[in-house]
């Protein structure tokens, strides 16, 4: 996915199945950056599926953040009261002030992920699965600033959402839909690009059968091999 790796970008993958979306998101993240960070949002008391990338051991502990308390992902409302004059010099630009406030508006768990600068010339990548659990935590107008804070920190942000996305989805650079309702039916499914580029496989309106996308097909085959 060289086109997604050249600059910080944002991508929303949605579909009717949480298990399918998680596998598709993992495949996209792995193909974009070999050392991506995986944020797994879990509802309390809900065990992960056997096909889940974390259950398969595909994500090393140093790249995995598991969150089962949604309060850890609530926006930091205290940032709006920040006295930036105490932390910025007079020479700092208005853009720097905006960056700082945007960053500090992020949840503390996200700030911890983004604080280290990405290693190497390529952008870092954070992939967050099961974000449909955050309904009621964020409003649509908060999505744009959160995405921009990730870009400015040098990170791409890929989101997995097992539901029909709301108006906040329009702020993502790419919006993709993956449609099978079960991992076992992945070979009947397709990847639909609802928002993307003007040309190429990620052009808006493009539809690709999943078996014709090698890196996605490989992930589904491996996930089902020992289920």
Protein backbone atom coordinates (compact mmCIF):
# COMPACT_ATOMS: atom_id res chain seq x y z
CA UNK A 1 0.00 0.00 0.00
CA UNK A 2 2.69 2.45 -1.04
CA UNK A 3 0.15 5.17 -1.75
CA UNK A 4 -0.98 5.14 1.88
CA UNK A 5 2.55 5.11 3.29
CA UNK A 6 3.98 8.25 1.68
CA UNK A 7 2.38 10.83 4.01
CA UNK A 8 0.24 10.89 7.16
CA UNK A 9 -3.27 9.99 6.10
CA UNK A 10 -6.57 8.88 7.62
CA UNK A 11 -8.67 5.89 6.66
CA UNK A 12 -12.03 4.56 7.85
CA UNK A 13 -12.90 0.92 7.17
CA UNK A 14 -16.47 -0.03 7.96
CA UNK A 15 -18.80 -2.96 7.42
CA UNK A 16 -21.52 -5.06 9.07
CA UNK A 17 -19.20 -7.55 10.83
CA UNK A 18 -16.83 -6.64 13.65
CA UNK A 19 -14.67 -9.70 13.00
CA UNK A 20 -14.43 -8.98 9.28
CA UNK A 21 -13.65 -5.30 9.84
CA UNK A 22 -10.90 -6.12 12.35
CA UNK A 23 -9.22 -8.55 9.97
CA UNK A 24 -9.52 -6.14 7.06
CA UNK A 25 -8.12 -3.31 9.16
CA UNK A 26 -5.19 -5.47 10.26
CA UNK A 27 -4.45 -6.37 6.63
CA UNK A 28 -4.51 -2.72 5.54
CA UNK A 29 -2.31 -1.63 8.46
CA UNK A 30 0.21 -4.43 7.96
CA UNK A 31 0.48 -3.68 4.25
CA UNK A 32 1.04 0.02 4.94
CA UNK A 33 3.54 -0.05 7.82
CA UNK A 34 5.38 -3.08 9.27
CA UNK A 35 5.55 -1.57 12.77
CA UNK A 36 2.06 -0.14 13.17
CA UNK A 37 0.47 0.32 16.59
CA UNK A 38 -2.73 -1.66 17.20
CA UNK A 39 -5.32 -0.23 19.61
CA UNK A 40 -7.92 -2.84 20.55
CA UNK A 41 -11.09 -1.43 22.13
CA UNK A 42 -12.92 -4.14 24.04
CA UNK A 43 -16.19 -4.04 25.89
CA UNK A 44 -15.87 -5.23 29.48
CA UNK A 45 -16.52 -8.96 29.77
CA UNK A 46 -16.47 -9.54 26.02
CA UNK A 47 -13.75 -12.02 24.99
CA UNK A 48 -12.11 -11.52 21.59
CA UNK A 49 -13.13 -13.79 18.71
CA UNK A 50 -10.88 -16.68 17.74
CA UNK A 51 -10.10 -14.90 14.48
CA UNK A 52 -9.04 -11.69 16.22
CA UNK A 53 -5.48 -10.60 15.30
CA UNK A 54 -4.53 -10.39 18.98
CA UNK A 55 -5.78 -13.93 19.63
CA UNK A 56 -3.74 -15.12 16.68
CA UNK A 57 -0.63 -13.56 18.23
CA UNK A 58 -0.06 -11.36 15.21
CA UNK A 59 0.53 -8.18 17.25
CA UNK A 60 3.56 -8.08 19.54
CA UNK A 61 3.07 -6.72 23.04
CA UNK A 62 5.16 -3.61 22.33
CA UNK A 63 2.78 -2.62 19.53
CA UNK A 64 -0.50 -3.48 21.27
CA UNK A 65 -2.71 -1.26 23.43
CA UNK A 66 -5.85 -2.88 24.85
CA UNK A 67 -8.52 -0.53 26.15
CA UNK A 68 -11.54 -1.84 28.06
CA UNK A 69 -12.38 1.40 29.87
CA UNK A 70 -13.86 3.90 27.43
CA UNK A 71 -13.07 6.78 29.80
CA UNK A 72 -9.44 6.40 28.72
CA UNK A 73 -10.50 7.52 25.24
CA UNK A 74 -12.62 10.50 26.18
CA UNK A 75 -11.35 13.81 24.73
CA UNK A 76 -9.33 15.95 27.11
CA UNK A 77 -11.72 18.84 27.64
CA UNK A 78 -9.19 20.64 29.87
CA UNK A 79 -7.11 21.60 26.83
CA UNK A 80 -9.44 24.46 25.99
CA UNK A 81 -8.46 26.11 29.30
CA UNK A 82 -4.73 25.72 28.67
CA UNK A 83 -2.64 28.86 29.15
CA UNK A 84 -0.38 28.35 26.13
CA UNK A 85 1.77 31.34 27.07
CA UNK A 86 3.29 29.22 29.82
CA UNK A 87 4.54 26.53 27.48
CA UNK A 88 5.26 28.39 24.24
CA UNK A 89 7.75 31.13 23.58
CA UNK A 90 6.72 34.43 21.99
CA UNK A 91 8.41 33.34 18.78
CA UNK A 92 6.07 30.40 18.34
CA UNK A 93 3.61 30.75 15.46
CA UNK A 94 -0.16 30.64 15.65
CA UNK A 95 0.07 27.31 13.86
CA UNK A 96 2.21 25.93 16.70
CA UNK A 97 -0.40 27.02 19.23
CA UNK A 98 -3.08 25.26 17.22
CA UNK A 99 -1.02 22.10 17.04
CA UNK A 100 -0.43 22.05 20.76
CA UNK A 101 -4.06 22.60 21.67
CA UNK A 102 -5.19 19.98 19.14
CA UNK A 103 -2.71 17.48 20.55
CA UNK A 104 -3.64 18.14 24.17
CA UNK A 105 -7.32 17.77 23.29
CA UNK A 106 -6.65 14.13 22.50
CA UNK A 107 -7.30 11.48 25.13
CA UNK A 108 -4.31 10.80 27.35
CA UNK A 109 -4.05 7.24 26.00
CA UNK A 110 -3.67 8.65 22.47
CA UNK A 111 -1.16 11.29 23.55
CA UNK A 112 1.05 8.54 24.98
CA UNK A 113 0.97 6.70 21.64
CA UNK A 114 1.86 9.79 19.60
CA UNK A 115 4.50 11.33 21.86
CA UNK A 116 7.45 9.40 20.35
CA UNK A 117 8.17 10.76 16.88
CA UNK A 118 7.83 8.11 14.15
CA UNK A 119 11.10 6.27 13.54
CA UNK A 120 12.49 6.66 10.03
CA UNK A 121 11.28 8.78 7.12
CA UNK A 122 7.82 7.28 6.75
CA UNK A 123 4.81 8.29 8.83
CA UNK A 124 3.91 6.17 11.83
CA UNK A 125 0.58 4.35 11.85
CA UNK A 126 -2.03 3.84 14.54
CA UNK A 127 -4.85 1.38 13.78
CA UNK A 128 -7.86 1.40 16.12
CA UNK A 129 -10.39 -1.41 15.96
CA UNK A 130 -13.94 -1.70 17.35
CA UNK A 131 -14.50 2.06 17.36
CA UNK A 132 -18.26 1.60 17.11
CA UNK A 133 -17.98 1.19 20.89
CA UNK A 134 -17.19 4.92 21.06
CA UNK A 135 -20.66 6.04 19.99
CA UNK A 136 -21.67 8.67 22.52
CA UNK A 137 -18.06 9.46 23.44
CA UNK A 138 -17.31 11.65 20.41
CA UNK A 139 -19.51 14.02 18.43
CA UNK A 140 -19.04 14.43 14.64
CA UNK A 141 -17.42 17.88 14.98
CA UNK A 142 -14.63 16.40 17.15
CA UNK A 143 -13.51 13.92 14.48
CA UNK A 144 -11.74 16.43 12.20
CA UNK A 145 -9.48 17.93 14.91
CA UNK A 146 -8.55 14.45 16.15
CA UNK A 147 -7.55 13.33 12.66
CA UNK A 148 -5.55 16.50 12.10
CA UNK A 149 -3.71 16.08 15.42
CA UNK A 150 -2.56 12.63 14.30
CA UNK A 151 -1.38 13.98 10.94
CA UNK A 152 0.54 16.81 12.57
CA UNK A 153 2.22 14.34 14.93
CA UNK A 154 3.46 12.44 11.87
CA UNK A 155 1.06 9.50 12.21
CA UNK A 156 -1.54 7.99 9.95
CA UNK A 157 -4.75 6.88 11.64
CA UNK A 158 -6.73 3.85 10.42
CA UNK A 159 -10.11 3.23 12.03
CA UNK A 160 -12.25 0.07 12.04
CA UNK A 161 -15.98 0.68 12.51
CA UNK A 162 -18.49 -2.20 12.48
CA UNK A 163 -21.55 -0.14 11.69
CA UNK A 164 -22.83 2.43 9.18
CA UNK A 165 -20.61 5.52 9.61
CA UNK A 166 -22.11 8.89 10.46
CA UNK A 167 -21.35 12.39 9.17
CA UNK A 168 -17.91 12.42 10.80
CA UNK A 169 -16.72 9.95 8.15
CA UNK A 170 -16.53 12.75 5.58
CA UNK A 171 -13.40 14.13 7.29
CA UNK A 172 -11.34 10.97 6.55
CA UNK A 173 -9.06 10.91 3.51
CA UNK A 174 -10.26 7.43 2.61
CA UNK A 175 -13.51 5.65 3.41
CA UNK A 176 -13.67 1.93 2.57
CA UNK A 177 -16.42 -0.63 3.09
CA UNK A 178 -15.80 -4.36 3.47
CA UNK A 179 -19.01 -6.27 3.06
CA UNK A 180 -19.05 -9.96 4.02
CA UNK A 181 -21.04 -10.65 7.19
CA UNK A 182 -18.76 -13.46 8.37
CA UNK A 183 -15.05 -14.21 8.05
CA UNK A 184 -15.96 -17.60 6.62
CA UNK A 185 -17.64 -15.86 3.68
CA UNK A 186 -14.73 -13.56 2.98
CA UNK A 187 -14.16 -14.99 -0.51
CA UNK A 188 -17.62 -13.73 -1.53
CA UNK A 189 -16.86 -10.21 -0.30
CA UNK A 190 -15.50 -7.05 -1.83
CA UNK A 191 -13.70 -3.89 -0.78
CA UNK A 192 -15.61 -0.78 -1.83
CA UNK A 193 -13.81 2.57 -1.98
CA UNK A 194 -16.45 5.15 -1.07
CA UNK A 195 -13.98 8.03 -0.78
CA UNK A 196 -10.47 8.04 -2.17
CA UNK A 197 -8.27 9.11 -5.04
CA UNK A 198 -9.14 10.05 -8.60
CA UNK A 199 -7.34 7.05 -10.11
CA UNK A 200 -5.89 3.67 -9.14
CA UNK A 201 -7.17 0.90 -6.85
CA UNK A 202 -8.13 3.42 -4.15
CA UNK A 203 -10.12 5.65 -6.50
CA UNK A 204 -13.59 6.63 -5.36
CA UNK A 205 -16.13 4.12 -6.62
CA UNK A 206 -13.67 1.26 -7.09
CA UNK A 207 -14.86 -2.23 -6.07
CA UNK A 208 -12.34 -5.06 -5.65
CA UNK A 209 -13.23 -8.68 -4.80
CA UNK A 210 -11.31 -9.66 -1.66
CA UNK A 211 -9.70 -12.75 -3.26
CA UNK A 212 -8.08 -10.39 -5.79
CA UNK A 213 -6.33 -8.36 -3.06
CA UNK A 214 -3.40 -10.61 -2.05
CA UNK A 215 -2.56 -9.06 1.32
CA UNK A 216 -6.20 -9.16 2.46
CA UNK A 217 -6.78 -12.68 1.15
CA UNK A 218 -3.67 -13.88 3.01
CA UNK A 219 -4.91 -12.50 6.33
CA UNK A 220 -8.34 -14.12 6.03
CA UNK A 221 -6.85 -17.48 5.02
CA UNK A 222 -4.48 -17.43 8.00
CA UNK A 223 -7.25 -16.36 10.40
CA UNK A 224 -9.48 -19.26 9.36
CA UNK A 225 -6.75 -21.88 9.09
CA UNK A 226 -6.98 -23.05 12.71
CA UNK A 227 -10.37 -21.63 13.73
